[in-house]
Amino acid sequence: MRVLRTGTDLAELPPGTALVPTMGALHEGHLSLVRRAAEANTGPGASVSIFVNPTQFNDPGDLAAYPHNLEADLDACRDAGARWVFAPEVELVYPPDAPDAPPPLPAVATDPGLEDRFRPGHFLGVCRVVRRLFELMRPASAVFGEKDWQQLQVVRAMTETLGLGVEIVPGLTVREADGLAMSSRNQHLTAEARARASALNRSLIAAGAERDPPAAEAAMRAVLAGGGVEPEYAVIREAGGLVRYPKPGEAGRALVAGPVGTTRLLDNMPWPL
């Protein structure tokens, strides 16, 4: 596996890889995406970017607290089948002498009132770094996890709108034994908060048993309240644009997010199940 840190190193990366963009602190959820990329790419193979993107943090404290362990991440990428890891400094991604104009945001990044409401500026940073990574790394495809469902739809819409020519491939959410979606944030949960966090998964399962969106949302809220979790949102939406209830026969998504203790978590599932 080749580790790329500089622009000179990056020249060694062939175009056409399957890219898995990450911010490091890799867990099994990330590694499942790397394995999918390695298996799916019939060209050069899988590449991974490890870059803690400062432009997508609306809270400076979150940026400062984000875990870093590059050596462990590199070992994990190697074991998962990555052939290249791009781990640049900020100045290579955002050159100070070449200002990078933010891309226009698609409606799914601004209109649903979900992550766009509770993390202002987040998707602007996501779109900015993803476009820049695509420019630098020239992948044929990029794998994004379904756990961050709105982000997946935002990246897909931006890629299509800008004509970037990269196939966006979804990767299934990987869960702990009790159903909690794997996340780098889980390590910050206390034992008490960790027990309460399982209510997110249980609320989504409860929603999936209902066939009426308002009833499904009520079922989610009831499970969350019983688990001691006050959500920022617990909603049923059409799976693509995320601004309305799905029509009969249309793919829907149940989405939930909110703080558990001092840690903000999010999750989603197809609806109905």
C-alpha atoms as a PDB file:
ATOM      1  CA  MET A   1       0.000   0.000   0.000  1.00  0.00           C
ATOM      2  CA  ARG A   2       1.320   3.425  -0.958  1.00  0.00           C
ATOM      3  CA  VAL A   3       0.835   6.400   1.367  1.00  0.00           C
ATOM      4  CA  LEU A   4       0.549   9.734  -0.459  1.00  0.00           C
ATOM      5  CA  ARG A   5       1.217  12.927   1.491  1.00  0.00           C
ATOM      6  CA  THR A   6       2.372  15.557  -1.037  1.00  0.00           C
ATOM      7  CA  GLY A   7       1.450  16.771  -4.485  1.00  0.00           C
ATOM      8  CA  THR A   8       4.473  14.925  -5.869  1.00  0.00           C
ATOM      9  CA  ASP A   9       3.288  11.708  -4.219  1.00  0.00           C
ATOM     10  CA  LEU A  10      -0.197  12.245  -5.621  1.00  0.00           C
ATOM     11  CA  ALA A  11       1.168  12.160  -9.167  1.00  0.00           C
ATOM     12  CA  GLU A  12       1.733   8.418  -8.618  1.00  0.00           C
ATOM     13  CA  LEU A  13      -2.006   7.787  -8.132  1.00  0.00           C
ATOM     14  CA  PRO A  14      -3.556   6.468 -11.353  1.00  0.00           C
ATOM     15  CA  PRO A  15      -6.981   7.789 -12.362  1.00  0.00           C
ATOM     16  CA  GLY A  16      -9.968   5.490 -12.065  1.00  0.00           C
ATOM     17  CA  THR A  17      -9.709   4.173  -8.508  1.00  0.00           C
ATOM     18  CA  ALA A  18     -12.670   3.577  -6.219  1.00  0.00           C
ATOM     19  CA  LEU A  19     -12.275   6.240  -3.541  1.00  0.00           C
ATOM     20  CA  VAL A  20     -13.415   6.060   0.077  1.00  0.00           C
ATOM     21  CA  PRO A  21     -13.236   9.565   1.577  1.00  0.00           C
ATOM     22  CA  THR A  22     -12.754   9.524   5.357  1.00  0.00           C
ATOM     23  CA  MET A  23     -11.619  11.733   8.202  1.00  0.00           C
ATOM     24  CA  GLY A  24      -9.721   8.911   9.871  1.00  0.00           C
ATOM     25  CA  ALA A  25     -10.526   7.349  13.264  1.00  0.00           C
ATOM     26  CA  LEU A  26     -11.479   4.336  11.178  1.00  0.00           C
ATOM     27  CA  HIS A  27     -13.820   1.647  12.481  1.00  0.00           C
ATOM     28  CA  GLU A  28     -15.478  -1.384  10.928  1.00  0.00           C
ATOM     29  CA  GLY A  29     -18.059   0.799   9.205  1.00  0.00           C
ATOM     30  CA  HIS A  30     -15.339   2.616   7.264  1.00  0.00           C
ATOM     31  CA  LEU A  31     -13.471  -0.595   6.545  1.00  0.00           C
ATOM     32  CA  SER A  32     -16.582  -2.210   5.063  1.00  0.00           C
ATOM     33  CA  LEU A  33     -16.605   0.659   2.551  1.00  0.00           C
ATOM     34  CA  VAL A  34     -12.929   0.093   1.757  1.00  0.00           C
ATOM     35  CA  ARG A  35     -13.562  -3.593   1.170  1.00  0.00           C
ATOM     36  CA  ARG A  36     -16.507  -2.797  -1.066  1.00  0.00           C
ATOM     37  CA  ALA A  37     -14.377  -0.374  -3.071  1.00  0.00           C
ATOM     38  CA  ALA A  38     -11.581  -2.932  -3.397  1.00  0.00           C
ATOM     39  CA  GLU A  39     -13.971  -5.636  -4.581  1.00  0.00           C
ATOM     40  CA  ALA A  40     -16.001  -3.435  -6.944  1.00  0.00           C
ATOM     41  CA  ASN A  41     -13.206  -1.649  -8.796  1.00  0.00           C
ATOM     42  CA  THR A  42     -12.062  -3.542 -11.879  1.00  0.00           C
ATOM     43  CA  GLY A  43      -9.351  -0.986 -12.646  1.00  0.00           C
ATOM     44  CA  PRO A  44      -6.518   0.221 -10.420  1.00  0.00           C
ATOM     45  CA  GLY A  45      -8.163  -0.699  -7.113  1.00  0.00           C
ATOM     46  CA  ALA A  46      -9.278   1.120  -3.986  1.00  0.00           C
ATOM     47  CA  SER A  47      -7.967   4.402  -2.635  1.00  0.00           C
ATOM     48  CA  VAL A  48      -8.744   6.042   0.703  1.00  0.00           C
ATOM     49  CA  SER A  49      -8.410   9.660   1.733  1.00  0.00           C
ATOM     50  CA  ILE A  50      -7.755  10.497   5.390  1.00  0.00           C
ATOM     51  CA  PHE A  51      -8.297  14.194   5.911  1.00  0.00           C
ATOM     52  CA  VAL A  52      -9.975  15.934   8.842  1.00  0.00           C
ATOM     53  CA  ASN A  53     -11.759  18.616   6.863  1.00  0.00           C
ATOM     54  CA  PRO A  54     -11.870  21.869   8.845  1.00  0.00           C
ATOM     55  CA  THR A  55     -14.547  23.449   6.625  1.00  0.00           C
ATOM     56  CA  GLN A  56     -17.314  21.027   7.631  1.00  0.00           C
ATOM     57  CA  PHE A  57     -17.164  21.624  11.400  1.00  0.00           C
ATOM     58  CA  ASN A  58     -19.578  24.291  12.597  1.00  0.00           C
ATOM     59  CA  ASP A  59     -18.297  23.765  16.168  1.00  0.00           C
ATOM     60  CA  PRO A  60     -14.540  24.409  16.619  1.00  0.00           C
ATOM     61  CA  GLY A  61     -14.643  22.198  19.699  1.00  0.00           C
ATOM     62  CA  ASP A  62     -15.699  19.220  17.577  1.00  0.00           C
ATOM     63  CA  LEU A  63     -12.763  19.823  15.244  1.00  0.00           C
ATOM     64  CA  ALA A  64     -10.303  20.070  18.129  1.00  0.00           C
ATOM     65  CA  ALA A  65     -11.674  16.902  19.739  1.00  0.00           C
ATOM     66  CA  TYR A  66     -11.734  14.786  16.585  1.00  0.00           C
ATOM     67  CA  PRO A  67      -9.553  11.691  17.197  1.00  0.00           C
ATOM     68  CA  HIS A  68      -6.291  11.200  15.259  1.00  0.00           C
ATOM     69  CA  ASN A  69      -4.370   7.936  14.944  1.00  0.00           C
ATOM     70  CA  LEU A  70      -2.881   7.840  11.469  1.00  0.00           C
ATOM     71  CA  GLU A  71      -0.680   4.786  11.982  1.00  0.00           C
ATOM     72  CA  ALA A  72      -3.594   2.665  13.189  1.00  0.00           C
ATOM     73  CA  ASP A  73      -5.727   3.945  10.303  1.00  0.00           C
ATOM     74  CA  LEU A  74      -3.020   3.036   7.779  1.00  0.00           C
ATOM     75  CA  ASP A  75      -2.754  -0.485   9.178  1.00  0.00           C
ATOM     76  CA  ALA A  76      -6.538  -0.871   8.947  1.00  0.00           C
ATOM     77  CA  CYS A  77      -6.611   0.397   5.352  1.00  0.00           C
ATOM     78  CA  ARG A  78      -3.869  -2.035   4.381  1.00  0.00           C
ATOM     79  CA  ASP A  79      -5.735  -4.967   5.924  1.00  0.00           C
ATOM     80  CA  ALA A  80      -8.981  -3.937   4.184  1.00  0.00           C
ATOM     81  CA  GLY A  81      -7.400  -3.975   0.729  1.00  0.00           C
ATOM     82  CA  ALA A  82      -6.645  -0.328  -0.033  1.00  0.00           C
ATOM     83  CA  ARG A  83      -3.815   0.216  -2.504  1.00  0.00           C
ATOM     84  CA  TRP A  84      -3.360   3.946  -1.890  1.00  0.00           C
ATOM     85  CA  VAL A  85      -4.019   6.240   1.064  1.00  0.00           C
ATOM     86  CA  PHE A  86      -3.994   9.984   0.544  1.00  0.00           C
ATOM     87  CA  ALA A  87      -3.276  11.760   3.851  1.00  0.00           C
ATOM     88  CA  PRO A  88      -2.554  15.394   2.946  1.00  0.00           C
ATOM     89  CA  GLU A  89      -1.943  18.524   4.946  1.00  0.00           C
ATOM     90  CA  VAL A  90      -4.604  21.242   4.829  1.00  0.00           C
ATOM     91  CA  GLU A  91      -2.454  23.432   2.565  1.00  0.00           C
ATOM     92  CA  LEU A  92      -2.519  20.834  -0.226  1.00  0.00           C
ATOM     93  CA  VAL A  93      -6.298  20.492  -0.180  1.00  0.00           C
ATOM     94  CA  TYR A  94      -6.933  24.224   0.288  1.00  0.00           C
ATOM     95  CA  PRO A  95      -3.921  26.111  -1.126  1.00  0.00           C
ATOM     96  CA  PRO A  96      -3.801  29.573   0.468  1.00  0.00           C
ATOM     97  CA  ASP A  97      -2.679  31.169  -2.792  1.00  0.00           C
ATOM     98  CA  ALA A  98      -5.497  29.592  -4.822  1.00  0.00           C
ATOM     99  CA  PRO A  99      -8.843  30.323  -3.160  1.00  0.00           C
ATOM    100  CA  ASP A 100     -11.395  27.616  -3.843  1.00  0.00           C
ATOM    101  CA  ALA A 101     -14.895  28.972  -4.503  1.00  0.00           C
ATOM    102  CA  PRO A 102     -17.500  26.824  -2.741  1.00  0.00           C
ATOM    103  CA  PRO A 103     -19.703  24.835  -5.120  1.00  0.00           C
ATOM    104  CA  PRO A 104     -23.421  25.615  -5.339  1.00  0.00           C
ATOM    105  CA  LEU A 105     -25.393  23.533  -2.887  1.00  0.00           C
ATOM    106  CA  PRO A 106     -28.179  21.242  -4.139  1.00  0.00           C
ATOM    107  CA  ALA A 107     -31.636  21.596  -2.606  1.00  0.00           C
ATOM    108  CA  VAL A 108     -31.199  18.416  -0.553  1.00  0.00           C
ATOM    109  CA  ALA A 109     -28.402  20.233   1.316  1.00  0.00           C
ATOM    110  CA  THR A 110     -30.496  23.275   2.213  1.00  0.00           C
ATOM    111  CA  ASP A 111     -34.227  22.476   2.240  1.00  0.00           C
ATOM    112  CA  PRO A 112     -35.021  19.371   4.339  1.00  0.00           C
ATOM    113  CA  GLY A 113     -34.517  20.982   7.767  1.00  0.00           C
ATOM    114  CA  LEU A 114     -32.480  18.031   9.013  1.00  0.00           C
ATOM    115  CA  GLU A 115     -28.668  18.172   9.223  1.00  0.00           C
ATOM    116  CA  ASP A 116     -28.822  21.455   7.303  1.00  0.00           C
ATOM    117  CA  ARG A 117     -30.791  22.982  10.177  1.00  0.00           C
ATOM    118  CA  PHE A 118     -28.766  21.627  13.077  1.00  0.00           C
ATOM    119  CA  ARG A 119     -25.287  21.831  11.523  1.00  0.00           C
ATOM    120  CA  PRO A 120     -25.218  25.114   9.594  1.00  0.00           C
ATOM    121  CA  GLY A 121     -22.373  25.258   7.100  1.00  0.00           C
ATOM    122  CA  HIS A 122     -21.705  21.534   7.331  1.00  0.00           C
ATOM    123  CA  PHE A 123     -22.755  20.586   3.818  1.00  0.00           C
ATOM    124  CA  LEU A 124     -20.957  23.530   2.292  1.00  0.00           C
ATOM    125  CA  GLY A 125     -17.766  22.112   3.784  1.00  0.00           C
ATOM    126  CA  VAL A 126     -18.636  18.572   2.679  1.00  0.00           C
ATOM    127  CA  CYS A 127     -19.285  19.624  -0.905  1.00  0.00           C
ATOM    128  CA  ARG A 128     -16.159  21.734  -0.984  1.00  0.00           C
ATOM    129  CA  VAL A 129     -13.841  18.961   0.193  1.00  0.00           C
ATOM    130  CA  VAL A 130     -15.463  16.211  -1.879  1.00  0.00           C
ATOM    131  CA  ARG A 131     -15.172  18.246  -5.061  1.00  0.00           C
ATOM    132  CA  ARG A 132     -11.556  19.015  -4.229  1.00  0.00           C
ATOM    133  CA  LEU A 133     -10.718  15.364  -3.504  1.00  0.00           C
ATOM    134  CA  PHE A 134     -12.302  14.360  -6.809  1.00  0.00           C
ATOM    135  CA  GLU A 135     -10.148  16.947  -8.585  1.00  0.00           C
ATOM    136  CA  LEU A 136      -6.965  15.775  -6.890  1.00  0.00           C
ATOM    137  CA  MET A 137      -7.541  12.013  -6.944  1.00  0.00           C
ATOM    138  CA  ARG A 138      -9.545  11.541 -10.186  1.00  0.00           C
ATOM    139  CA  PRO A 139     -11.539   8.489  -9.064  1.00  0.00           C
ATOM    140  CA  ALA A 140     -14.001   6.602 -11.247  1.00  0.00           C
ATOM    141  CA  SER A 141     -16.273   5.989  -8.260  1.00  0.00           C
ATOM    142  CA  ALA A 142     -16.572   6.968  -4.614  1.00  0.00           C
ATOM    143  CA  VAL A 143     -18.156   4.986  -1.798  1.00  0.00           C
ATOM    144  CA  PHE A 144     -20.164   6.807   0.885  1.00  0.00           C
ATOM    145  CA  GLY A 145     -21.894   5.144   3.844  1.00  0.00           C
ATOM    146  CA  GLU A 146     -25.666   5.133   4.154  1.00  0.00           C
ATOM    147  CA  LYS A 147     -25.390   6.024   7.857  1.00  0.00           C
ATOM    148  CA  ASP A 148     -24.984   9.662   6.804  1.00  0.00           C
ATOM    149  CA  TRP A 149     -27.991   9.419   4.502  1.00  0.00           C
ATOM    150  CA  GLN A 150     -28.498  13.118   3.818  1.00  0.00           C
ATOM    151  CA  GLN A 151     -24.784  13.516   3.092  1.00  0.00           C
ATOM    152  CA  LEU A 152     -24.985  10.642   0.589  1.00  0.00           C
ATOM    153  CA  GLN A 153     -27.854  12.387  -1.225  1.00  0.00           C
ATOM    154  CA  VAL A 154     -26.044  15.738  -1.130  1.00  0.00           C
ATOM    155  CA  VAL A 155     -22.861  14.320  -2.642  1.00  0.00           C
ATOM    156  CA  ARG A 156     -24.813  12.415  -5.286  1.00  0.00           C
ATOM    157  CA  ALA A 157     -26.775  15.538  -6.282  1.00  0.00           C
ATOM    158  CA  MET A 158     -23.699  17.783  -6.344  1.00  0.00           C
ATOM    159  CA  THR A 159     -21.764  15.276  -8.454  1.00  0.00           C
ATOM    160  CA  GLU A 160     -24.571  15.074 -10.989  1.00  0.00           C
ATOM    161  CA  THR A 161     -25.181  18.837 -11.083  1.00  0.00           C
ATOM    162  CA  LEU A 162     -21.515  19.686 -11.625  1.00  0.00           C
ATOM    163  CA  GLY A 163     -20.983  16.825 -14.078  1.00  0.00           C
ATOM    164  CA  LEU A 164     -17.991  15.491 -12.156  1.00  0.00           C
ATOM    165  CA  GLY A 165     -18.183  12.071 -13.780  1.00  0.00           C
ATOM    166  CA  VAL A 166     -17.784  10.072 -10.559  1.00  0.00           C
ATOM    167  CA  GLU A 167     -20.168   7.245  -9.718  1.00  0.00           C
ATOM    168  CA  ILE A 168     -21.450   7.565  -6.149  1.00  0.00           C
ATOM    169  CA  VAL A 169     -21.773   4.116  -4.570  1.00  0.00           C
ATOM    170  CA  PRO A 170     -23.686   3.602  -1.288  1.00  0.00           C
ATOM    171  CA  GLY A 171     -22.341   1.367   1.469  1.00  0.00           C
ATOM    172  CA  LEU A 172     -24.609  -0.295   4.016  1.00  0.00           C
ATOM    173  CA  THR A 173     -24.574   0.854   7.646  1.00  0.00           C
ATOM    174  CA  VAL A 174     -22.570  -1.412   9.939  1.00  0.00           C
ATOM    175  CA  ARG A 175     -24.014  -1.862  13.437  1.00  0.00           C
ATOM    176  CA  GLU A 176     -22.925  -2.934  16.892  1.00  0.00           C
ATOM    177  CA  ALA A 177     -24.489  -6.042  18.436  1.00  0.00           C
ATOM    178  CA  ASP A 178     -27.294  -3.953  19.987  1.00  0.00           C
ATOM    179  CA  GLY A 179     -28.039  -2.179  16.698  1.00  0.00           C
ATOM    180  CA  LEU A 180     -26.205   1.081  17.343  1.00  0.00           C
ATOM    181  CA  ALA A 181     -24.736   2.382  14.090  1.00  0.00           C
ATOM    182  CA  MET A 182     -20.943   2.360  14.172  1.00  0.00           C
ATOM    183  CA  SER A 183     -19.508   5.864  14.422  1.00  0.00           C
ATOM    184  CA  SER A 184     -16.273   7.517  15.476  1.00  0.00           C
ATOM    185  CA  ARG A 185     -18.411   9.427  17.973  1.00  0.00           C
ATOM    186  CA  ASN A 186     -19.427   6.285  19.855  1.00  0.00           C
ATOM    187  CA  GLN A 187     -16.142   6.260  21.761  1.00  0.00           C
ATOM    188  CA  HIS A 188     -17.248   9.449  23.537  1.00  0.00           C
ATOM    189  CA  LEU A 189     -20.379   7.810  25.022  1.00  0.00           C
ATOM    190  CA  THR A 190     -20.383   7.074  28.728  1.00  0.00           C
ATOM    191  CA  ALA A 191     -21.679   3.659  29.790  1.00  0.00           C
ATOM    192  CA  GLU A 192     -25.022   5.208  30.712  1.00  0.00           C
ATOM    193  CA  ALA A 193     -25.307   7.102  27.421  1.00  0.00           C
ATOM    194  CA  ARG A 194     -24.233   4.019  25.478  1.00  0.00           C
ATOM    195  CA  ALA A 195     -27.167   2.095  26.948  1.00  0.00           C
ATOM    196  CA  ARG A 196     -29.608   4.870  26.027  1.00  0.00           C
ATOM    197  CA  ALA A 197     -28.195   5.208  22.500  1.00  0.00           C
ATOM    198  CA  SER A 198     -29.756   1.906  21.425  1.00  0.00           C
ATOM    199  CA  ALA A 199     -33.094   3.739  21.403  1.00  0.00           C
ATOM    200  CA  LEU A 200     -32.188   5.297  18.042  1.00  0.00           C
ATOM    201  CA  ASN A 201     -32.061   1.934  16.286  1.00  0.00           C
ATOM    202  CA  ARG A 202     -35.143   0.693  18.102  1.00  0.00           C
ATOM    203  CA  SER A 203     -37.080   3.808  17.080  1.00  0.00           C
ATOM    204  CA  LEU A 204     -36.273   3.182  13.423  1.00  0.00           C
ATOM    205  CA  ILE A 205     -37.429  -0.425  13.673  1.00  0.00           C
ATOM    206  CA  ALA A 206     -40.667   0.742  15.293  1.00  0.00           C
ATOM    207  CA  ALA A 207     -41.203   3.235  12.481  1.00  0.00           C
ATOM    208  CA  GLY A 208     -40.648   0.528   9.889  1.00  0.00           C
ATOM    209  CA  ALA A 209     -43.598  -1.463  11.223  1.00  0.00           C
ATOM    210  CA  GLU A 210     -45.996   1.419  10.478  1.00  0.00           C
ATOM    211  CA  ARG A 211     -47.390   2.214   7.035  1.00  0.00           C
ATOM    212  CA  ASP A 212     -48.572   5.757   7.721  1.00  0.00           C
ATOM    213  CA  PRO A 213     -45.849   8.436   8.018  1.00  0.00           C
ATOM    214  CA  PRO A 214     -47.375  10.362  10.946  1.00  0.00           C
ATOM    215  CA  ALA A 215     -47.939   7.104  12.836  1.00  0.00           C
ATOM    216  CA  ALA A 216     -44.369   6.037  12.106  1.00  0.00           C
ATOM    217  CA  GLU A 217     -43.024   9.347  13.430  1.00  0.00           C
ATOM    218  CA  ALA A 218     -45.160   8.995  16.568  1.00  0.00           C
ATOM    219  CA  ALA A 219     -43.772   5.484  17.090  1.00  0.00           C
ATOM    220  CA  MET A 220     -40.222   6.807  16.796  1.00  0.00           C
ATOM    221  CA  ARG A 221     -40.825   9.562  19.325  1.00  0.00           C
ATOM    222  CA  ALA A 222     -42.410   7.125  21.779  1.00  0.00           C
ATOM    223  CA  VAL A 223     -39.434   4.756  21.669  1.00  0.00           C
ATOM    224  CA  LEU A 224     -36.958   7.626  22.000  1.00  0.00           C
ATOM    225  CA  ALA A 225     -38.837   9.112  24.956  1.00  0.00           C
ATOM    226  CA  GLY A 226     -38.888   5.704  26.627  1.00  0.00           C
ATOM    227  CA  GLY A 227     -35.137   5.474  26.161  1.00  0.00           C
ATOM    228  CA  GLY A 228     -34.484   8.921  27.583  1.00  0.00           C
ATOM    229  CA  VAL A 229     -33.473  10.483  24.255  1.00  0.00           C
ATOM    230  CA  GLU A 230     -34.843  13.845  23.110  1.00  0.00           C
ATOM    231  CA  PRO A 231     -34.268  13.976  19.339  1.00  0.00           C
ATOM    232  CA  GLU A 232     -33.548  16.983  17.187  1.00  0.00           C
ATOM    233  CA  TYR A 233     -35.588  15.252  14.532  1.00  0.00           C
ATOM    234  CA  ALA A 234     -37.305  11.881  14.075  1.00  0.00           C
ATOM    235  CA  VAL A 235     -38.996  11.941  10.693  1.00  0.00           C
ATOM    236  CA  ILE A 236     -40.176  10.013   7.659  1.00  0.00           C
ATOM    237  CA  ARG A 237     -39.138  11.491   4.323  1.00  0.00           C
ATOM    238  CA  GLU A 238     -39.006  10.612   0.639  1.00  0.00           C
ATOM    239  CA  ALA A 239     -35.608   8.963   0.274  1.00  0.00           C
ATOM    240  CA  GLY A 240     -34.056  11.198  -2.386  1.00  0.00           C
ATOM    241  CA  GLY A 241     -34.986  14.836  -1.781  1.00  0.00           C
ATOM    242  CA  LEU A 242     -35.889  14.429   1.921  1.00  0.00           C
ATOM    243  CA  VAL A 243     -38.364  17.324   1.958  1.00  0.00           C
ATOM    244  CA  ARG A 244     -41.730  15.524   2.105  1.00  0.00           C
ATOM    245  CA  TYR A 245     -43.466  12.290   2.977  1.00  0.00           C
ATOM    246  CA  PRO A 246     -43.033   9.518   0.405  1.00  0.00           C
ATOM    247  CA  LYS A 247     -45.926   8.885  -1.946  1.00  0.00           C
ATOM    248  CA  PRO A 248     -47.495   5.395  -2.013  1.00  0.00           C
ATOM    249  CA  GLY A 249     -45.031   2.980  -3.580  1.00  0.00           C
ATOM    250  CA  GLU A 250     -42.177   5.496  -3.373  1.00  0.00           C
ATOM    251  CA  ALA A 251     -38.964   4.767  -1.455  1.00  0.00           C
ATOM    252  CA  GLY A 252     -38.980   6.361   1.981  1.00  0.00           C
ATOM    253  CA  ARG A 253     -36.440   6.841   4.740  1.00  0.00           C
ATOM    254  CA  ALA A 254     -36.810   7.078   8.504  1.00  0.00           C
ATOM    255  CA  LEU A 255     -34.201   9.443   9.940  1.00  0.00           C
ATOM    256  CA  VAL A 256     -33.300  10.330  13.517  1.00  0.00           C
ATOM    257  CA  ALA A 257     -30.655  12.490  15.167  1.00  0.00           C
ATOM    258  CA  GLY A 258     -29.973  14.096  18.488  1.00  0.00           C
ATOM    259  CA  PRO A 259     -27.716  14.238  21.535  1.00  0.00           C
ATOM    260  CA  VAL A 260     -27.243  11.244  23.792  1.00  0.00           C
ATOM    261  CA  GLY A 261     -25.450  12.624  26.796  1.00  0.00           C
ATOM    262  CA  THR A 262     -22.896  15.017  25.316  1.00  0.00           C
ATOM    263  CA  THR A 263     -22.544  13.088  22.036  1.00  0.00           C
ATOM    264  CA  ARG A 264     -24.657  13.793  18.985  1.00  0.00           C
ATOM    265  CA  LEU A 265     -25.692  10.678  17.044  1.00  0.00           C
ATOM    266  CA  LEU A 266     -27.663  10.084  13.874  1.00  0.00           C
ATOM    267  CA  ASP A 267     -29.116   7.048  12.127  1.00  0.00           C
ATOM    268  CA  ASN A 268     -31.590   6.032   9.447  1.00  0.00           C
ATOM    269  CA  MET A 269     -33.260   3.051   7.811  1.00  0.00           C
ATOM    270  CA  PRO A 270     -35.385   2.375   4.749  1.00  0.00           C
ATOM    271  CA  TRP A 271     -39.102   2.984   5.360  1.00  0.00           C
ATOM    272  CA  PRO A 272     -41.248   0.970   5.596  1.00  0.00           C
ATOM    273  CA  LEU A 273     -39.189  -2.096   6.446  1.00  0.00           C
END
